[in-house]
N, C-alpha and C. Protein backbone atom coordinates (compact mmCIF):
# COMPACT_ATOMS: atom_id res chain seq x y z
N MET A 1 20.60 31.34 -70.60
CA MET A 1 22.00 32.33 -70.75
C MET A 1 21.51 33.37 -69.72
N ASP A 2 20.44 33.84 -69.61
CA ASP A 2 20.12 34.81 -68.99
C ASP A 2 20.34 34.82 -67.80
N LYS A 3 20.12 33.37 -66.99
CA LYS A 3 20.90 33.20 -65.66
C LYS A 3 22.28 32.79 -65.55
N LEU A 4 23.04 32.38 -66.72
CA LEU A 4 24.11 31.99 -66.19
C LEU A 4 25.20 33.03 -66.09
N ILE A 5 24.96 34.24 -66.49
CA ILE A 5 25.77 35.87 -66.46
C ILE A 5 25.67 36.11 -64.62
N PRO A 6 24.23 36.22 -64.96
CA PRO A 6 24.42 36.83 -63.04
C PRO A 6 24.72 35.83 -62.33
N GLY A 7 24.61 34.30 -62.33
CA GLY A 7 25.34 33.42 -61.86
C GLY A 7 26.73 33.73 -61.49
N VAL A 8 27.42 33.52 -62.97
CA VAL A 8 28.91 34.07 -62.87
C VAL A 8 29.14 34.96 -61.92
N ILE A 9 28.55 36.04 -62.12
CA ILE A 9 28.89 37.15 -61.49
C ILE A 9 28.81 37.33 -59.93
N VAL A 10 27.47 36.51 -59.79
CA VAL A 10 27.67 35.89 -58.05
C VAL A 10 28.82 35.13 -57.78
N VAL A 11 29.31 34.43 -58.56
CA VAL A 11 30.85 33.70 -58.05
C VAL A 11 32.30 34.60 -58.08
N VAL A 12 32.44 35.13 -58.95
CA VAL A 12 33.22 36.10 -59.04
C VAL A 12 33.23 37.37 -57.96
N VAL A 13 32.08 37.79 -57.35
CA VAL A 13 31.93 38.50 -56.31
C VAL A 13 32.58 37.68 -54.87
N LEU A 14 31.46 36.45 -54.74
CA LEU A 14 31.85 35.35 -53.68
C LEU A 14 33.64 35.11 -53.49
N LEU A 15 34.08 34.74 -55.19
CA LEU A 15 35.79 34.50 -54.90
C LEU A 15 36.20 36.05 -54.30
N GLY A 16 35.86 37.05 -54.63
CA GLY A 16 36.72 38.00 -54.46
C GLY A 16 36.84 38.14 -53.16
N LEU A 17 35.37 38.34 -52.60
CA LEU A 17 35.51 38.49 -50.71
C LEU A 17 36.33 37.26 -50.18
N LEU A 18 36.22 35.99 -50.43
CA LEU A 18 37.03 35.36 -49.93
C LEU A 18 38.27 35.74 -49.82
N ALA A 19 38.83 36.32 -51.42
CA ALA A 19 39.85 36.41 -51.64
C ALA A 19 40.68 37.71 -50.09
N LEU A 20 39.48 38.48 -50.77
CA LEU A 20 40.17 39.45 -49.14
C LEU A 20 39.76 39.44 -48.05
N MET A 21 38.79 38.24 -47.11
CA MET A 21 38.87 37.41 -46.46
C MET A 21 40.19 36.83 -45.75
N TRP A 22 40.75 36.41 -46.96
CA TRP A 22 41.94 35.76 -46.68
C TRP A 22 43.09 36.53 -46.41
N ARG A 23 43.26 37.69 -47.63
CA ARG A 23 44.54 38.15 -47.30
C ARG A 23 44.41 38.81 -45.74
N SER A 24 43.54 39.40 -45.81
CA SER A 24 42.85 40.14 -44.21
C SER A 24 43.84 39.07 -42.73
N TRP A 25 43.30 37.98 -42.93
CA TRP A 25 43.80 37.02 -41.89
C TRP A 25 44.91 36.66 -42.08
N MET A 26 45.88 36.78 -42.84
CA MET A 26 47.11 36.44 -43.44
C MET A 26 48.08 37.49 -42.80
N ARG A 27 47.63 38.97 -43.09
CA ARG A 27 48.59 40.21 -42.79
C ARG A 27 47.92 39.97 -40.88
N ARG A 28 46.72 39.53 -40.31
CA ARG A 28 46.47 39.82 -39.14
C ARG A 28 47.73 38.95 -38.25
N SER A 29 47.80 37.56 -39.06
CA SER A 29 48.47 36.38 -38.83
C SER A 29 49.98 36.54 -38.41
N ARG A 30 50.62 37.53 -39.31
CA ARG A 30 52.02 38.20 -39.73
C ARG A 30 52.26 39.14 -38.62
N ARG A 31 51.01 40.03 -38.19
CA ARG A 31 51.14 40.90 -37.76
C ARG A 31 51.50 40.69 -36.31
N ASP A 32 50.78 39.50 -35.71
CA ASP A 32 50.33 38.50 -34.55
C ASP A 32 51.42 37.74 -33.96
N ALA A 33 52.40 37.57 -35.12
CA ALA A 33 53.38 36.15 -35.00
C ALA A 33 53.73 36.52 -34.11
N ALA A 34 54.99 37.58 -33.44
CA ALA A 34 55.85 37.59 -32.81
C ALA A 34 55.27 37.84 -30.87
N LEU A 35 53.92 37.42 -30.90
CA LEU A 35 53.08 37.45 -29.80
C LEU A 35 52.69 35.81 -29.55
N THR A 36 53.53 35.91 -27.73
CA THR A 36 53.16 34.27 -27.44
C THR A 36 52.22 34.41 -26.47
N ALA A 37 51.05 33.52 -26.10
CA ALA A 37 49.53 33.40 -25.65
C ALA A 37 50.25 32.30 -24.44
N GLY A 38 50.53 32.99 -23.34
CA GLY A 38 50.63 31.89 -22.13
C GLY A 38 52.01 32.24 -21.71
N TYR A 39 52.01 31.66 -20.77
CA TYR A 39 53.73 31.10 -20.24
C TYR A 39 53.92 29.86 -19.89
N PRO A 40 55.16 29.88 -19.86
CA PRO A 40 55.61 28.13 -19.60
C PRO A 40 54.58 27.25 -18.44
N ALA A 41 53.99 26.41 -18.80
CA ALA A 41 53.83 25.69 -17.52
C ALA A 41 54.28 25.25 -16.31
N PRO A 42 54.00 25.85 -15.15
CA PRO A 42 54.69 25.24 -14.26
C PRO A 42 55.12 24.10 -13.71
N LEU A 43 54.03 22.84 -14.24
CA LEU A 43 53.79 21.72 -14.14
C LEU A 43 54.01 21.05 -15.56
N SER A 44 54.42 19.87 -15.32
CA SER A 44 54.07 19.02 -16.43
C SER A 44 53.38 18.01 -15.79
N GLY A 45 53.26 17.50 -14.20
CA GLY A 45 52.67 16.33 -13.97
C GLY A 45 51.06 16.75 -13.38
N THR A 46 50.45 15.99 -12.84
CA THR A 46 48.91 16.24 -12.81
C THR A 46 48.62 16.74 -11.90
N ALA A 47 47.58 18.31 -11.58
CA ALA A 47 48.06 18.49 -9.98
C ALA A 47 47.06 17.93 -9.37
N ASP A 48 47.28 18.00 -7.85
CA ASP A 48 46.45 17.54 -6.97
C ASP A 48 44.90 18.16 -6.82
N THR A 49 44.03 17.30 -6.42
CA THR A 49 42.54 18.22 -6.57
C THR A 49 42.49 19.45 -5.52
N THR A 50 43.25 19.26 -4.64
CA THR A 50 43.35 20.50 -3.74
C THR A 50 43.69 21.58 -4.42
N SER A 51 44.35 21.72 -5.50
CA SER A 51 45.06 22.72 -6.00
C SER A 51 44.18 23.32 -7.17
N VAL A 52 42.93 22.49 -7.81
CA VAL A 52 42.03 23.23 -8.51
C VAL A 52 40.98 23.68 -7.87
N ARG A 53 40.97 24.95 -7.83
CA ARG A 53 39.76 26.16 -7.53
C ARG A 53 38.31 26.32 -8.15
N ALA A 54 38.57 25.92 -9.31
CA ALA A 54 37.29 25.78 -10.22
C ALA A 54 37.87 25.22 -11.57
N GLU A 55 37.01 24.63 -12.23
CA GLU A 55 37.13 24.21 -13.41
C GLU A 55 35.36 23.80 -14.44
N ALA A 56 35.43 24.54 -15.47
CA ALA A 56 33.92 24.70 -16.37
C ALA A 56 34.16 24.54 -17.34
N PRO A 57 33.56 23.80 -18.34
CA PRO A 57 33.17 23.93 -19.89
C PRO A 57 32.73 25.46 -20.24
N VAL A 58 33.21 25.73 -21.26
CA VAL A 58 33.23 27.13 -21.88
C VAL A 58 33.19 27.00 -23.23
N LEU A 59 32.86 28.28 -24.02
CA LEU A 59 32.84 28.65 -25.22
C LEU A 59 34.02 29.91 -25.44
N TYR A 60 35.34 29.36 -25.66
CA TYR A 60 36.08 30.75 -26.01
C TYR A 60 35.91 31.28 -26.85
N VAL A 61 35.65 32.42 -26.68
CA VAL A 61 35.15 33.45 -28.13
C VAL A 61 36.29 34.36 -28.90
N ALA A 62 37.01 34.46 -28.52
CA ALA A 62 37.86 35.60 -28.80
C ALA A 62 39.21 36.65 -27.78
N THR A 63 40.47 36.69 -28.50
CA THR A 63 41.44 37.44 -27.43
C THR A 63 41.67 38.58 -28.06
N THR A 64 41.17 39.84 -27.55
CA THR A 64 41.29 41.28 -28.25
C THR A 64 42.70 42.06 -27.49
N PRO A 65 43.60 43.19 -28.28
CA PRO A 65 43.95 44.04 -27.21
C PRO A 65 43.08 44.96 -26.41
N ARG A 66 43.85 44.99 -24.94
CA ARG A 66 42.84 46.03 -24.31
C ARG A 66 42.64 47.22 -24.70
N GLY A 67 41.08 47.38 -24.57
CA GLY A 67 40.31 48.44 -24.87
C GLY A 67 40.05 48.46 -26.91
N GLU A 68 40.27 47.47 -27.05
CA GLU A 68 39.87 47.25 -28.54
C GLU A 68 39.12 45.95 -29.05
N PRO A 69 38.12 45.76 -28.24
CA PRO A 69 36.94 44.94 -28.61
C PRO A 69 36.78 44.22 -29.84
N LEU A 70 36.58 44.85 -31.00
CA LEU A 70 36.71 44.62 -32.35
C LEU A 70 37.80 43.73 -32.93
N GLU A 71 39.19 44.17 -32.58
CA GLU A 71 40.11 43.61 -33.17
C GLU A 71 40.95 42.34 -32.85
N ARG A 72 40.38 41.56 -32.85
CA ARG A 72 40.66 39.88 -32.74
C ARG A 72 42.13 39.76 -32.74
N LEU A 73 43.53 39.22 -32.21
CA LEU A 73 44.53 38.80 -32.13
C LEU A 73 44.78 37.15 -33.03
N ALA A 74 45.31 37.29 -33.67
CA ALA A 74 45.68 35.82 -33.81
C ALA A 74 46.87 35.06 -33.23
N ILE A 75 46.56 34.95 -32.46
CA ILE A 75 47.55 34.35 -31.27
C ILE A 75 47.79 32.97 -31.38
N ARG A 76 49.00 32.31 -31.49
CA ARG A 76 48.54 30.64 -31.44
C ARG A 76 47.93 30.32 -30.13
N ASN A 77 47.38 29.05 -30.55
CA ASN A 77 46.09 28.48 -29.78
C ASN A 77 45.14 29.04 -29.31
N LEU A 78 45.37 30.64 -29.21
CA LEU A 78 43.93 31.45 -29.11
C LEU A 78 43.33 32.17 -30.42
N ALA A 79 43.60 31.50 -31.17
CA ALA A 79 43.19 32.87 -32.31
C ALA A 79 41.57 32.38 -33.20
N PHE A 80 41.26 31.12 -32.78
CA PHE A 80 40.05 30.98 -33.07
C PHE A 80 38.72 30.50 -32.18
N ARG A 81 37.37 31.09 -32.42
CA ARG A 81 36.70 30.09 -31.36
C ARG A 81 36.63 28.83 -31.58
N ALA A 82 36.26 28.55 -30.15
CA ALA A 82 36.56 27.14 -29.86
C ALA A 82 35.78 26.56 -28.44
N ARG A 83 35.16 25.38 -28.39
CA ARG A 83 35.07 24.68 -27.39
C ARG A 83 36.06 24.71 -26.65
N ALA A 84 36.09 25.03 -24.93
CA ALA A 84 37.10 24.87 -24.49
C ALA A 84 36.90 24.01 -22.85
N THR A 85 37.71 24.50 -22.05
CA THR A 85 37.66 23.95 -20.64
C THR A 85 38.56 25.30 -19.50
N LEU A 86 38.04 25.90 -18.65
CA LEU A 86 38.88 26.75 -17.92
C LEU A 86 39.47 26.11 -16.73
N ARG A 87 40.39 26.39 -16.08
CA ARG A 87 40.73 25.80 -14.93
C ARG A 87 41.51 26.83 -14.21
N VAL A 88 40.78 27.03 -12.93
CA VAL A 88 41.49 27.56 -11.98
C VAL A 88 42.52 27.43 -11.03
N THR A 89 43.85 27.38 -11.02
CA THR A 89 44.38 26.47 -9.98
C THR A 89 44.96 27.66 -8.73
N GLY A 90 44.90 27.17 -7.10
CA GLY A 90 45.81 27.80 -6.87
C GLY A 90 46.80 27.30 -5.98
N PRO A 91 47.85 27.72 -5.22
CA PRO A 91 48.65 27.19 -4.30
C PRO A 91 48.37 25.49 -4.14
N GLY A 92 49.41 24.54 -4.60
CA GLY A 92 48.77 23.09 -3.95
C GLY A 92 50.15 22.02 -4.06
N VAL A 93 49.68 21.14 -4.39
CA VAL A 93 50.92 20.11 -4.61
C VAL A 93 51.11 18.88 -5.61
N SER A 94 51.65 18.51 -6.54
CA SER A 94 50.91 17.86 -7.64
C SER A 94 51.39 16.42 -6.86
N ALA A 95 50.98 15.32 -8.16
CA ALA A 95 51.24 13.86 -7.67
C ALA A 95 52.23 13.64 -7.57
N VAL A 96 53.50 14.49 -7.61
CA VAL A 96 54.95 13.89 -7.17
C VAL A 96 55.82 15.30 -6.47
N ASP A 97 54.47 15.65 -5.85
CA ASP A 97 55.11 16.60 -4.47
C ASP A 97 55.72 18.08 -5.14
N ARG A 98 55.42 18.68 -6.03
CA ARG A 98 56.07 19.78 -6.55
C ARG A 98 54.88 20.89 -6.25
N ALA A 99 55.53 22.13 -5.90
CA ALA A 99 54.62 23.50 -5.60
C ALA A 99 54.00 23.64 -7.10
N ILE A 100 52.66 23.82 -7.07
CA ILE A 100 51.62 24.11 -8.16
C ILE A 100 51.66 26.11 -8.24
N ALA A 101 52.06 26.58 -9.06
CA ALA A 101 51.56 27.98 -8.70
C ALA A 101 50.13 28.32 -9.46
N PRO A 102 49.37 29.33 -8.70
CA PRO A 102 47.81 30.05 -8.90
C PRO A 102 48.15 30.23 -10.23
N GLY A 103 47.27 29.96 -10.86
CA GLY A 103 47.06 31.05 -11.97
C GLY A 103 45.84 30.25 -13.34
N LEU A 104 45.86 30.46 -14.22
CA LEU A 104 44.21 30.51 -14.86
C LEU A 104 44.66 29.47 -16.34
N THR A 105 44.33 28.20 -16.32
CA THR A 105 45.15 27.31 -17.58
C THR A 105 43.88 27.71 -18.43
N ILE A 106 43.50 27.97 -20.11
CA ILE A 106 42.79 27.77 -20.92
C ILE A 106 43.00 26.96 -22.18
N VAL A 107 42.21 25.78 -21.79
CA VAL A 107 42.24 24.46 -22.63
C VAL A 107 41.05 24.58 -23.86
N PRO A 108 41.49 24.88 -25.08
CA PRO A 108 40.97 25.12 -26.19
C PRO A 108 40.52 23.70 -26.96
N THR A 109 39.43 23.46 -27.24
CA THR A 109 39.53 21.99 -27.66
C THR A 109 40.51 21.85 -29.11
N GLY A 110 41.27 20.93 -29.12
CA GLY A 110 42.14 20.83 -30.26
C GLY A 110 43.21 21.91 -30.47
N GLU A 111 43.43 22.63 -29.53
CA GLU A 111 44.67 23.49 -29.19
C GLU A 111 45.50 23.06 -28.17
N GLU A 112 46.68 23.87 -28.12
CA GLU A 112 47.62 23.14 -26.74
C GLU A 112 47.22 24.03 -25.32
N PRO A 113 47.11 24.01 -24.15
CA PRO A 113 47.21 24.47 -23.33
C PRO A 113 47.49 25.78 -22.88
N VAL A 114 46.87 27.18 -22.75
CA VAL A 114 47.26 28.15 -22.21
C VAL A 114 47.23 28.42 -20.97
N TYR A 115 48.68 28.73 -20.27
CA TYR A 115 48.69 29.12 -19.20
C TYR A 115 48.67 30.52 -18.87
N VAL A 116 48.13 31.00 -17.88
CA VAL A 116 48.55 32.39 -16.98
C VAL A 116 48.39 32.28 -16.06
N PRO A 117 49.51 33.10 -15.33
CA PRO A 117 49.89 33.12 -13.76
C PRO A 117 49.28 34.12 -13.29
N ALA A 118 48.74 33.78 -12.16
CA ALA A 118 47.71 34.82 -11.75
C ALA A 118 48.21 36.31 -11.29
N GLU A 119 49.64 36.21 -11.17
CA GLU A 119 50.33 37.83 -11.34
C GLU A 119 50.34 38.22 -12.39
N ALA A 120 49.72 37.85 -13.70
CA ALA A 120 49.61 38.54 -15.07
C ALA A 120 47.88 38.43 -15.32
N ILE A 121 46.92 38.34 -14.54
CA ILE A 121 45.67 38.14 -14.32
C ILE A 121 45.67 40.07 -13.80
N GLU A 122 44.89 40.88 -14.89
CA GLU A 122 45.04 42.38 -14.69
C GLU A 122 43.23 42.60 -14.60
N LEU A 123 42.35 42.01 -14.86
CA LEU A 123 40.96 42.14 -14.81
C LEU A 123 39.71 40.91 -14.91
N VAL A 124 39.09 41.50 -14.17
CA VAL A 124 37.85 40.26 -13.99
C VAL A 124 36.46 41.03 -13.90
N THR A 125 35.68 40.71 -15.41
CA THR A 125 34.69 41.53 -15.23
C THR A 125 33.90 40.79 -16.32
N GLU A 126 32.90 41.26 -16.64
CA GLU A 126 31.73 40.90 -17.48
C GLU A 126 31.60 41.84 -19.09
N ALA A 127 31.15 40.86 -19.86
CA ALA A 127 30.64 41.68 -21.10
C ALA A 127 29.54 41.50 -22.06
N THR A 128 28.77 41.91 -22.20
CA THR A 128 27.35 41.83 -22.71
C THR A 128 27.13 41.15 -23.99
N TRP A 129 27.49 41.25 -24.89
CA TRP A 129 27.63 40.90 -25.75
C TRP A 129 28.32 40.44 -27.29
N ALA A 130 28.10 39.60 -27.99
CA ALA A 130 29.30 39.23 -28.87
C ALA A 130 28.77 40.02 -30.26
N ILE A 131 29.83 40.09 -30.85
CA ILE A 131 29.27 40.97 -32.17
C ILE A 131 28.47 40.52 -33.41
N ASP A 132 28.38 38.77 -33.36
CA ASP A 132 27.47 38.44 -34.56
C ASP A 132 25.91 37.42 -33.34
N ARG A 133 26.62 38.10 -31.89
CA ARG A 133 25.26 37.50 -31.87
C ARG A 133 24.70 38.07 -30.34
N ALA A 134 23.37 37.89 -29.82
CA ALA A 134 22.96 38.56 -28.47
C ALA A 134 22.90 37.72 -27.12
N VAL A 135 23.30 38.13 -26.54
CA VAL A 135 23.65 37.36 -25.32
C VAL A 135 23.14 37.96 -24.01
N GLU A 136 22.61 37.68 -22.92
CA GLU A 136 22.11 38.01 -21.82
C GLU A 136 22.77 39.69 -21.00
N THR A 137 22.53 40.29 -20.70
CA THR A 137 23.30 41.36 -19.99
C THR A 137 24.55 40.38 -19.04
N GLY A 138 25.53 40.49 -19.27
CA GLY A 138 26.92 40.45 -18.67
C GLY A 138 27.01 38.73 -18.62
N GLY A 139 26.13 38.19 -20.01
CA GLY A 139 26.72 37.08 -20.40
C GLY A 139 28.22 36.39 -21.09
N LEU A 140 28.99 37.33 -20.90
CA LEU A 140 30.34 36.85 -21.36
C LEU A 140 31.50 37.00 -20.68
N LEU A 141 32.28 36.38 -20.27
CA LEU A 141 33.10 36.74 -19.14
C LEU A 141 34.13 37.48 -19.47
N LEU A 142 34.56 38.23 -18.87
CA LEU A 142 35.95 38.84 -19.35
C LEU A 142 37.19 38.90 -18.78
N VAL A 143 38.56 38.00 -18.86
CA VAL A 143 39.73 38.40 -18.37
C VAL A 143 40.50 38.54 -19.01
N GLY A 144 40.68 40.13 -18.21
CA GLY A 144 42.27 40.30 -18.89
C GLY A 144 43.29 40.53 -18.07
N TRP A 145 44.31 40.11 -19.15
CA TRP A 145 45.85 39.59 -18.85
C TRP A 145 46.74 39.73 -19.39
N ARG A 146 48.26 39.88 -18.96
CA ARG A 146 49.49 40.75 -19.73
C ARG A 146 50.28 39.35 -20.40
N LEU A 147 49.88 39.29 -21.48
CA LEU A 147 51.12 38.38 -22.50
C LEU A 147 52.24 38.52 -22.14
N ALA A 148 53.13 37.42 -22.44
CA ALA A 148 54.36 37.19 -21.68
C ALA A 148 55.48 37.96 -22.59
N ALA A 149 56.54 38.45 -22.04
CA ALA A 149 57.59 39.53 -23.14
C ALA A 149 57.99 38.52 -23.73
N THR A 150 58.30 38.78 -25.14
CA THR A 150 59.09 38.05 -25.77
C THR A 150 60.31 38.74 -26.56
N GLU A 151 61.65 38.28 -26.94
CA GLU A 151 62.56 38.67 -27.33
C GLU A 151 63.04 38.88 -28.61
N ALA A 152 63.29 39.28 -29.36
CA ALA A 152 63.40 40.02 -31.02
C ALA A 152 63.88 38.31 -31.68
N GLY A 153 63.23 38.06 -32.74
CA GLY A 153 63.40 37.10 -33.66
C GLY A 153 62.98 36.82 -34.90
N PRO A 154 63.11 36.14 -35.68
CA PRO A 154 62.63 35.62 -37.15
C PRO A 154 61.17 36.42 -37.14
N ASN A 155 60.41 36.11 -36.03
CA ASN A 155 59.11 36.41 -35.93
C ASN A 155 58.66 38.15 -35.86
N GLY A 156 59.74 38.89 -35.37
CA GLY A 156 59.37 39.80 -35.15
C GLY A 156 60.45 40.58 -34.68
N PRO A 157 59.97 41.75 -34.01
CA PRO A 157 60.70 42.50 -32.58
C PRO A 157 60.31 42.07 -31.55
N ALA A 158 61.34 42.48 -30.43
CA ALA A 158 60.79 41.92 -28.99
C ALA A 158 59.50 42.74 -28.61
N THR A 159 58.62 42.08 -27.58
CA THR A 159 57.56 42.73 -27.28
C THR A 159 57.10 43.00 -25.75
N GLY A 160 56.59 43.63 -25.26
CA GLY A 160 57.12 43.74 -23.71
C GLY A 160 55.65 43.59 -22.67
N GLY A 161 55.03 42.69 -23.44
CA GLY A 161 53.70 42.08 -22.70
C GLY A 161 52.56 43.03 -22.51
N ALA A 162 52.08 42.91 -23.39
CA ALA A 162 50.84 43.70 -24.18
C ALA A 162 49.66 43.12 -22.90
N SER A 163 48.77 44.03 -22.84
CA SER A 163 47.49 43.57 -21.70
C SER A 163 46.62 43.42 -23.18
N VAL A 164 46.15 42.42 -22.44
CA VAL A 164 44.89 41.74 -23.81
C VAL A 164 43.38 41.34 -22.69
N ASP A 165 42.77 40.98 -23.63
CA ASP A 165 41.29 41.03 -23.14
C ASP A 165 40.73 39.56 -23.63
N SER A 166 40.21 38.76 -22.77
CA SER A 166 39.64 37.11 -23.32
C SER A 166 38.74 37.00 -22.98
N TYR A 167 37.70 37.14 -24.15
CA TYR A 167 36.58 36.33 -23.78
C TYR A 167 35.95 35.15 -23.53
N PHE A 168 34.89 34.64 -22.80
CA PHE A 168 34.06 33.54 -22.65
C PHE A 168 32.74 33.36 -22.28
N ARG A 169 32.57 32.19 -23.01
CA ARG A 169 30.67 32.52 -22.57
C ARG A 169 30.70 30.76 -22.02
N ILE A 170 29.97 31.11 -20.43
CA ILE A 170 29.43 30.11 -19.31
C ILE A 170 28.38 30.33 -19.77
N THR A 171 27.21 29.04 -19.78
CA THR A 171 26.62 28.93 -19.88
C THR A 171 25.49 28.59 -18.53
N ASP A 172 26.66 27.62 -17.94
CA ASP A 172 25.99 27.51 -16.30
C ASP A 172 26.23 28.38 -15.08
N PRO A 173 25.06 29.05 -14.61
CA PRO A 173 25.14 30.21 -13.64
C PRO A 173 26.30 29.43 -12.52
N ALA A 174 26.34 28.80 -11.56
CA ALA A 174 26.87 27.90 -10.66
C ALA A 174 28.22 27.85 -11.56
N ASP A 175 28.57 27.49 -12.30
CA ASP A 175 30.33 27.44 -12.99
C ASP A 175 30.87 28.67 -13.38
N ARG A 176 30.07 29.68 -13.67
CA ARG A 176 30.56 31.03 -13.80
C ARG A 176 31.09 31.76 -12.64
N GLY A 177 30.11 31.53 -10.84
CA GLY A 177 30.29 31.65 -10.11
C GLY A 177 31.60 31.00 -9.44
N ARG A 178 31.68 29.90 -9.94
CA ARG A 178 33.24 29.53 -9.38
C ARG A 178 34.01 29.95 -9.74
N ILE A 179 34.17 30.03 -11.35
CA ILE A 179 35.58 30.65 -11.84
C ILE A 179 35.85 31.71 -11.24
N VAL A 180 34.56 32.94 -11.44
CA VAL A 180 35.15 34.13 -10.94
C VAL A 180 35.41 34.31 -9.64
N ASP A 181 34.84 33.43 -8.77
CA ASP A 181 35.39 33.66 -7.53
C ASP A 181 37.00 33.20 -7.20
N ALA A 182 37.21 32.21 -8.05
CA ALA A 182 38.35 31.51 -8.16
C ALA A 182 39.40 32.60 -8.63
N LEU A 183 39.11 33.19 -9.52
CA LEU A 183 40.12 34.41 -10.37
C LEU A 183 40.11 35.51 -8.97
N ARG A 184 39.39 35.64 -8.24
CA ARG A 184 39.35 36.81 -7.39
C ARG A 184 40.79 36.59 -5.96
N SER A 185 39.97 34.88 -6.05
CA SER A 185 40.69 34.77 -4.82
C SER A 185 42.41 34.30 -4.80
N ILE A 186 42.80 34.32 -6.43
CA ILE A 186 44.04 33.98 -6.66
C ILE A 186 45.00 35.17 -7.23
N ALA A 187 43.53 35.96 -7.59
CA ALA A 187 44.32 37.14 -8.23
C ALA A 187 43.64 38.65 -7.86
N PRO A 188 43.73 38.71 -6.35
CA PRO A 188 42.94 39.81 -5.60
C PRO A 188 43.25 41.32 -5.82
N GLY A 189 44.36 41.42 -6.60
CA GLY A 189 44.61 42.93 -7.40
C GLY A 189 43.96 43.64 -8.37
N ALA A 190 43.23 41.79 -9.00
CA ALA A 190 42.80 42.18 -10.71
C ALA A 190 41.62 43.38 -10.22
N SER A 191 41.49 43.91 -11.40
CA SER A 191 40.39 45.10 -11.05
C SER A 191 39.14 44.08 -12.10
N SER A 192 38.16 44.48 -11.34
CA SER A 192 36.93 43.67 -11.47
C SER A 192 35.61 45.16 -11.46
N PRO A 193 35.79 45.87 -12.28
CA PRO A 193 34.84 46.88 -12.45
C PRO A 193 33.27 46.43 -12.50
N ASP A 194 32.06 47.15 -12.96
CA ASP A 194 31.26 46.64 -13.16
C ASP A 194 30.85 47.42 -14.19
N LEU A 195 31.28 46.66 -15.35
CA LEU A 195 30.94 47.36 -17.10
C LEU A 195 30.99 46.51 -17.95
N SER A 196 30.12 47.28 -18.93
CA SER A 196 29.82 46.47 -20.23
C SER A 196 30.74 46.28 -21.52
N THR A 197 31.37 45.43 -22.43
CA THR A 197 31.89 45.87 -23.37
C THR A 197 31.58 44.87 -24.32
N GLU A 198 32.29 45.19 -25.70
CA GLU A 198 32.31 43.91 -26.60
C GLU A 198 32.71 43.42 -26.74
N SER A 199 32.73 42.13 -27.72
CA SER A 199 33.78 41.17 -28.45
C SER A 199 33.41 40.54 -29.70
N GLU A 200 34.67 40.17 -30.13
CA GLU A 200 34.24 40.04 -32.06
C GLU A 200 34.29 38.57 -31.50
N ALA A 201 33.34 37.85 -32.37
CA ALA A 201 33.11 36.42 -32.09
C ALA A 201 33.64 35.56 -33.44
């Protein structure tokens, strides 16, 4: 009996915390329901290898509003941390002889690919640590980009294409260098400041 009451209290507290977390996530999901991650893919065919500037396995960490590194966005296909592939494509030709627009494709495991055209990429820089783990200086890659504008609908009002930051962990320095160089080559207008920031993981 002496152990039963404390055990019940612990269970009740844990259930209460889980309920609060669930309610918080549902509010966040409703808030971000109108946001559209990525843009229509320029092609449904397979890209010729000459159009792929760089590709690497990564850990996708989070996407946050610009300048708010602790506020995770619950955007479809980018809401959760996951293993992923980053693919940077440049101008090229597909297997069916159609032009390929330059851009970044994020392919999280278990989710649909998210395509970001080169003209929507605004920032390529480093982040030094994630909130739930320590990483080496500059251990995260931050890609800032502009969401696609959406029209008003059942999920919410029209949005004007907000600026967001996506965070990635790339463990292989060679892969990281290729991805960064490729991003800067297709989006030369993107800012590349030497700064450190944070991200929620």
